[in-house]
Amino acid sequence: MKGFVSFTLVIAIIAVLLFFKIGMMETETKLDSATNELIKAEITNKDRTMLENGVDKIINKKLEEQILKNNFDTTRAQNEINIELSKYLYNKTYGAKITGENIGESTNTFLNENSKVTILKTKYLTYAEYNFCSNLLKNTTIKKKFGNEIKTEFMIPIGYTNKIAKPI
């Protein structure tokens, strides 16, 4: 009888240890899954940031070029900037309603219809500004969605402005 009680006690302890081991394995699996999702989120966040930085860099570079060329034809300047932007954004983003509805590629025409360039020269400095002002209804933007489970979004907000001032 003494051996039977000891045997059942050992079996019970082994069952409890197996229960804890299974729980730890499930926790490790969930932790690994969460870690993988966070890594994916970090990668998509990096991609979004790279896209944002690329847009800013192109606009800054092209605004500086317009100032150096003394180009005060804002329509031509806007078109030159938007040609570069549309090349960069091609197959990366899409024109969209603010509700999220896709309305097509981020083409040069779309950008020209939704942006404005201002270039002014004073006695002491030259000022250039690129503004994504949307359309008359203020309901269009440029978007790109990233991620499956953890989602993030690139969007040029209505009213986005990039300015440069250079002393003369």
C-alpha atoms as a PDB file:
ATOM      1  CA  MET A   1       0.000   0.000   0.000  1.00  0.00           C
ATOM      2  CA  LYS A   2       2.869   2.351   0.880  1.00  0.00           C
ATOM      3  CA  GLY A   3       4.364   1.813  -2.585  1.00  0.00           C
ATOM      4  CA  PHE A   4       1.041   2.558  -4.294  1.00  0.00           C
ATOM      5  CA  VAL A   5       0.675   5.923  -2.475  1.00  0.00           C
ATOM      6  CA  SER A   6       4.270   6.863  -3.348  1.00  0.00           C
ATOM      7  CA  PHE A   7       3.712   5.844  -6.970  1.00  0.00           C
ATOM      8  CA  THR A   8       0.507   7.954  -7.242  1.00  0.00           C
ATOM      9  CA  LEU A   9       2.248  10.877  -5.592  1.00  0.00           C
ATOM     10  CA  VAL A  10       5.117  10.659  -8.113  1.00  0.00           C
ATOM     11  CA  ILE A  11       2.612  10.425 -11.011  1.00  0.00           C
ATOM     12  CA  ALA A  12       0.717  13.448  -9.648  1.00  0.00           C
ATOM     13  CA  ILE A  13       3.936  15.475  -9.358  1.00  0.00           C
ATOM     14  CA  ILE A  14       4.949  14.483 -12.908  1.00  0.00           C
ATOM     15  CA  ALA A  15       1.457  15.497 -14.155  1.00  0.00           C
ATOM     16  CA  VAL A  16       1.769  18.901 -12.441  1.00  0.00           C
ATOM     17  CA  LEU A  17       5.268  19.393 -13.908  1.00  0.00           C
ATOM     18  CA  LEU A  18       4.003  18.458 -17.391  1.00  0.00           C
ATOM     19  CA  PHE A  19       1.106  20.897 -16.970  1.00  0.00           C
ATOM     20  CA  PHE A  20       3.556  23.707 -16.101  1.00  0.00           C
ATOM     21  CA  LYS A  21       5.886  22.719 -18.980  1.00  0.00           C
ATOM     22  CA  ILE A  22       2.992  22.823 -21.470  1.00  0.00           C
ATOM     23  CA  GLY A  23       1.946  26.227 -20.106  1.00  0.00           C
ATOM     24  CA  MET A  24       5.495  27.543 -20.452  1.00  0.00           C
ATOM     25  CA  MET A  25       5.719  26.261 -24.040  1.00  0.00           C
ATOM     26  CA  GLU A  26       2.438  27.987 -24.935  1.00  0.00           C
ATOM     27  CA  THR A  27       3.689  31.207 -23.331  1.00  0.00           C
ATOM     28  CA  GLU A  28       6.972  30.965 -25.276  1.00  0.00           C
ATOM     29  CA  THR A  29       5.043  30.439 -28.524  1.00  0.00           C
ATOM     30  CA  LYS A  30       2.846  33.466 -27.849  1.00  0.00           C
ATOM     31  CA  LEU A  31       5.894  35.530 -26.899  1.00  0.00           C
ATOM     32  CA  ASP A  32       7.697  34.503 -30.100  1.00  0.00           C
ATOM     33  CA  SER A  33       4.596  35.361 -32.131  1.00  0.00           C
ATOM     34  CA  ALA A  34       4.307  38.768 -30.463  1.00  0.00           C
ATOM     35  CA  THR A  35       8.022  39.413 -31.020  1.00  0.00           C
ATOM     36  CA  ASN A  36       7.661  38.532 -34.718  1.00  0.00           C
ATOM     37  CA  GLU A  37       4.701  40.896 -35.066  1.00  0.00           C
ATOM     38  CA  LEU A  38       6.644  43.693 -33.384  1.00  0.00           C
ATOM     39  CA  ILE A  39       9.556  43.112 -35.757  1.00  0.00           C
ATOM     40  CA  LYS A  40       7.151  43.272 -38.712  1.00  0.00           C
ATOM     41  CA  ALA A  41       5.659  46.478 -37.282  1.00  0.00           C
ATOM     42  CA  GLU A  42       9.115  47.989 -36.917  1.00  0.00           C
ATOM     43  CA  ILE A  43       9.964  47.110 -40.523  1.00  0.00           C
ATOM     44  CA  THR A  44       6.717  48.640 -41.835  1.00  0.00           C
ATOM     45  CA  ASN A  45       7.300  51.706 -39.670  1.00  0.00           C
ATOM     46  CA  LYS A  46      10.792  52.004 -41.185  1.00  0.00           C
ATOM     47  CA  ASP A  47       9.318  51.720 -44.699  1.00  0.00           C
ATOM     48  CA  ARG A  48       6.766  54.442 -43.905  1.00  0.00           C
ATOM     49  CA  THR A  49       9.454  56.707 -42.471  1.00  0.00           C
ATOM     50  CA  MET A  50      11.667  56.158 -45.529  1.00  0.00           C
ATOM     51  CA  LEU A  51       8.757  57.126 -47.777  1.00  0.00           C
ATOM     52  CA  GLU A  52       8.092  60.282 -45.727  1.00  0.00           C
ATOM     53  CA  ASN A  53      11.773  61.244 -45.745  1.00  0.00           C
ATOM     54  CA  GLY A  54      11.997  60.622 -49.499  1.00  0.00           C
ATOM     55  CA  VAL A  55       9.064  62.956 -50.169  1.00  0.00           C
ATOM     56  CA  ASP A  56      10.565  65.680 -47.958  1.00  0.00           C
ATOM     57  CA  LYS A  57      13.991  65.295 -49.552  1.00  0.00           C
ATOM     58  CA  ILE A  58      12.666  65.561 -53.110  1.00  0.00           C
ATOM     59  CA  ILE A  59      10.583  68.637 -52.315  1.00  0.00           C
ATOM     60  CA  ASN A  60      13.467  70.357 -50.492  1.00  0.00           C
ATOM     61  CA  LYS A  61      15.904  69.599 -53.312  1.00  0.00           C
ATOM     62  CA  LYS A  62      13.543  70.791 -56.036  1.00  0.00           C
ATOM     63  CA  LEU A  63      12.599  73.964 -54.128  1.00  0.00           C
ATOM     64  CA  GLU A  64      16.298  74.787 -53.725  1.00  0.00           C
ATOM     65  CA  GLU A  65      16.818  74.194 -57.455  1.00  0.00           C
ATOM     66  CA  GLN A  66      14.004  76.622 -58.269  1.00  0.00           C
ATOM     67  CA  ILE A  67      15.601  79.265 -56.051  1.00  0.00           C
ATOM     68  CA  LEU A  68      19.044  78.722 -57.614  1.00  0.00           C
ATOM     69  CA  LYS A  69      17.547  78.979 -61.121  1.00  0.00           C
ATOM     70  CA  ASN A  70      15.652  82.141 -60.134  1.00  0.00           C
ATOM     71  CA  ASN A  71      12.542  80.423 -61.425  1.00  0.00           C
ATOM     72  CA  PHE A  72       9.542  82.471 -60.305  1.00  0.00           C
ATOM     73  CA  ASP A  73       7.149  80.730 -62.691  1.00  0.00           C
ATOM     74  CA  THR A  74       5.269  78.823 -60.001  1.00  0.00           C
ATOM     75  CA  THR A  75       3.363  76.649 -62.473  1.00  0.00           C
ATOM     76  CA  ARG A  76       6.596  75.419 -64.049  1.00  0.00           C
ATOM     77  CA  ALA A  77       8.215  74.977 -60.625  1.00  0.00           C
ATOM     78  CA  GLN A  78       5.195  73.034 -59.355  1.00  0.00           C
ATOM     79  CA  ASN A  79       5.277  70.786 -62.414  1.00  0.00           C
ATOM     80  CA  GLU A  80       9.027  70.100 -62.044  1.00  0.00           C
ATOM     81  CA  ILE A  81       8.624  69.197 -58.373  1.00  0.00           C
ATOM     82  CA  ASN A  82       5.595  67.016 -59.032  1.00  0.00           C
ATOM     83  CA  ILE A  83       7.297  65.172 -61.903  1.00  0.00           C
ATOM     84  CA  GLU A  84      10.039  64.086 -59.484  1.00  0.00           C
ATOM     85  CA  LEU A  85       7.508  63.268 -56.768  1.00  0.00           C
ATOM     86  CA  SER A  86       5.330  61.204 -59.097  1.00  0.00           C
ATOM     87  CA  LYS A  87       8.379  59.223 -60.252  1.00  0.00           C
ATOM     88  CA  TYR A  88       9.286  58.522 -56.631  1.00  0.00           C
ATOM     89  CA  LEU A  89       5.739  57.673 -55.536  1.00  0.00           C
ATOM     90  CA  TYR A  90       4.918  55.515 -58.586  1.00  0.00           C
ATOM     91  CA  ASN A  91       3.791  52.028 -57.492  1.00  0.00           C
ATOM     92  CA  LYS A  92       4.432  52.994 -53.857  1.00  0.00           C
ATOM     93  CA  THR A  93       1.365  55.109 -53.048  1.00  0.00           C
ATOM     94  CA  TYR A  94      -2.031  55.965 -54.454  1.00  0.00           C
ATOM     95  CA  GLY A  95      -4.291  58.964 -54.647  1.00  0.00           C
ATOM     96  CA  ALA A  96      -7.186  58.530 -52.233  1.00  0.00           C
ATOM     97  CA  LYS A  97     -10.213  60.178 -50.747  1.00  0.00           C
ATOM     98  CA  ILE A  98      -9.775  60.988 -47.061  1.00  0.00           C
ATOM     99  CA  THR A  99     -12.299  58.208 -46.426  1.00  0.00           C
ATOM    100  CA  GLY A 100      -9.651  55.772 -47.741  1.00  0.00           C
ATOM    101  CA  GLU A 101     -11.175  55.093 -51.170  1.00  0.00           C
ATOM    102  CA  ASN A 102      -8.438  54.529 -53.760  1.00  0.00           C
ATOM    103  CA  ILE A 103      -8.854  56.915 -56.716  1.00  0.00           C
ATOM    104  CA  GLY A 104      -5.729  55.993 -58.696  1.00  0.00           C
ATOM    105  CA  GLU A 105      -1.980  56.408 -58.977  1.00  0.00           C
ATOM    106  CA  SER A 106      -0.129  59.403 -57.549  1.00  0.00           C
ATOM    107  CA  THR A 107       0.496  60.811 -61.010  1.00  0.00           C
ATOM    108  CA  ASN A 108       1.969  64.159 -61.954  1.00  0.00           C
ATOM    109  CA  THR A 109      -1.505  65.341 -62.985  1.00  0.00           C
ATOM    110  CA  PHE A 110      -2.998  64.309 -59.626  1.00  0.00           C
ATOM    111  CA  LEU A 111      -0.182  66.066 -57.757  1.00  0.00           C
ATOM    112  CA  ASN A 112      -0.529  69.232 -59.876  1.00  0.00           C
ATOM    113  CA  GLU A 113      -4.269  69.313 -59.139  1.00  0.00           C
ATOM    114  CA  ASN A 114      -3.689  68.910 -55.399  1.00  0.00           C
ATOM    115  CA  SER A 115      -0.651  71.071 -54.677  1.00  0.00           C
ATOM    116  CA  LYS A 116       0.548  74.645 -54.905  1.00  0.00           C
ATOM    117  CA  VAL A 117       4.016  76.208 -55.098  1.00  0.00           C
ATOM    118  CA  THR A 118       4.840  79.723 -53.988  1.00  0.00           C
ATOM    119  CA  ILE A 119       8.156  81.440 -54.720  1.00  0.00           C
ATOM    120  CA  LEU A 120       8.800  84.991 -53.529  1.00  0.00           C
ATOM    121  CA  LYS A 121      11.870  87.179 -53.686  1.00  0.00           C
ATOM    122  CA  THR A 122      12.426  90.118 -51.385  1.00  0.00           C
ATOM    123  CA  LYS A 123      15.333  92.454 -50.963  1.00  0.00           C
ATOM    124  CA  TYR A 124      17.012  90.124 -48.447  1.00  0.00           C
ATOM    125  CA  LEU A 125      15.852  86.588 -49.171  1.00  0.00           C
ATOM    126  CA  THR A 126      14.091  84.191 -51.499  1.00  0.00           C
ATOM    127  CA  TYR A 127      11.267  82.126 -50.063  1.00  0.00           C
ATOM    128  CA  ALA A 128       9.867  78.952 -51.642  1.00  0.00           C
ATOM    129  CA  GLU A 129       6.997  76.813 -50.400  1.00  0.00           C
ATOM    130  CA  TYR A 130       5.380  73.576 -51.540  1.00  0.00           C
ATOM    131  CA  ASN A 131       1.882  72.967 -50.188  1.00  0.00           C
ATOM    132  CA  PHE A 132      -0.236  69.840 -50.588  1.00  0.00           C
ATOM    133  CA  CYS A 133      -3.592  71.576 -50.405  1.00  0.00           C
ATOM    134  CA  SER A 134      -5.873  68.832 -51.812  1.00  0.00           C
ATOM    135  CA  ASN A 135      -8.702  69.661 -54.214  1.00  0.00           C
ATOM    136  CA  LEU A 136     -11.465  72.236 -53.803  1.00  0.00           C
ATOM    137  CA  LEU A 137     -13.480  69.883 -51.586  1.00  0.00           C
ATOM    138  CA  LYS A 138     -10.420  69.154 -49.407  1.00  0.00           C
ATOM    139  CA  ASN A 139     -11.100  65.424 -49.641  1.00  0.00           C
ATOM    140  CA  THR A 140      -8.108  63.935 -51.485  1.00  0.00           C
ATOM    141  CA  THR A 141      -4.706  62.849 -50.282  1.00  0.00           C
ATOM    142  CA  ILE A 142      -1.885  60.428 -51.033  1.00  0.00           C
ATOM    143  CA  LYS A 143      -1.799  57.178 -49.061  1.00  0.00           C
ATOM    144  CA  LYS A 144      -0.065  53.859 -48.622  1.00  0.00           C
ATOM    145  CA  LYS A 145      -1.083  51.193 -46.103  1.00  0.00           C
ATOM    146  CA  PHE A 146       1.544  48.952 -44.527  1.00  0.00           C
ATOM    147  CA  GLY A 147       1.258  45.733 -42.546  1.00  0.00           C
ATOM    148  CA  ASN A 148      -1.290  42.980 -42.123  1.00  0.00           C
ATOM    149  CA  GLU A 149      -1.852  42.372 -38.426  1.00  0.00           C
ATOM    150  CA  ILE A 150      -0.249  45.524 -37.049  1.00  0.00           C
ATOM    151  CA  LYS A 151      -1.101  48.282 -39.499  1.00  0.00           C
ATOM    152  CA  THR A 152       0.405  51.667 -40.169  1.00  0.00           C
ATOM    153  CA  GLU A 153      -0.247  54.194 -42.891  1.00  0.00           C
ATOM    154  CA  PHE A 154       1.710  56.736 -44.899  1.00  0.00           C
ATOM    155  CA  MET A 155      -0.319  59.776 -45.828  1.00  0.00           C
ATOM    156  CA  ILE A 156       0.496  63.253 -47.070  1.00  0.00           C
ATOM    157  CA  PRO A 157      -1.925  65.254 -44.963  1.00  0.00           C
ATOM    158  CA  ILE A 158      -4.001  68.064 -46.385  1.00  0.00           C
ATOM    159  CA  GLY A 159      -2.118  71.233 -45.580  1.00  0.00           C
ATOM    160  CA  TYR A 160       1.325  69.593 -45.672  1.00  0.00           C
ATOM    161  CA  THR A 161       3.847  72.374 -46.247  1.00  0.00           C
ATOM    162  CA  ASN A 162       7.562  72.374 -46.936  1.00  0.00           C
ATOM    163  CA  LYS A 163       9.303  75.763 -46.863  1.00  0.00           C
ATOM    164  CA  ILE A 164      12.760  77.064 -47.705  1.00  0.00           C
ATOM    165  CA  ALA A 165      14.164  80.552 -47.267  1.00  0.00           C
ATOM    166  CA  LYS A 166      17.585  81.499 -48.659  1.00  0.00           C
ATOM    167  CA  PRO A 167      19.332  84.785 -48.028  1.00  0.00           C
ATOM    168  CA  ILE A 168      20.332  86.771 -51.085  1.00  0.00           C
END
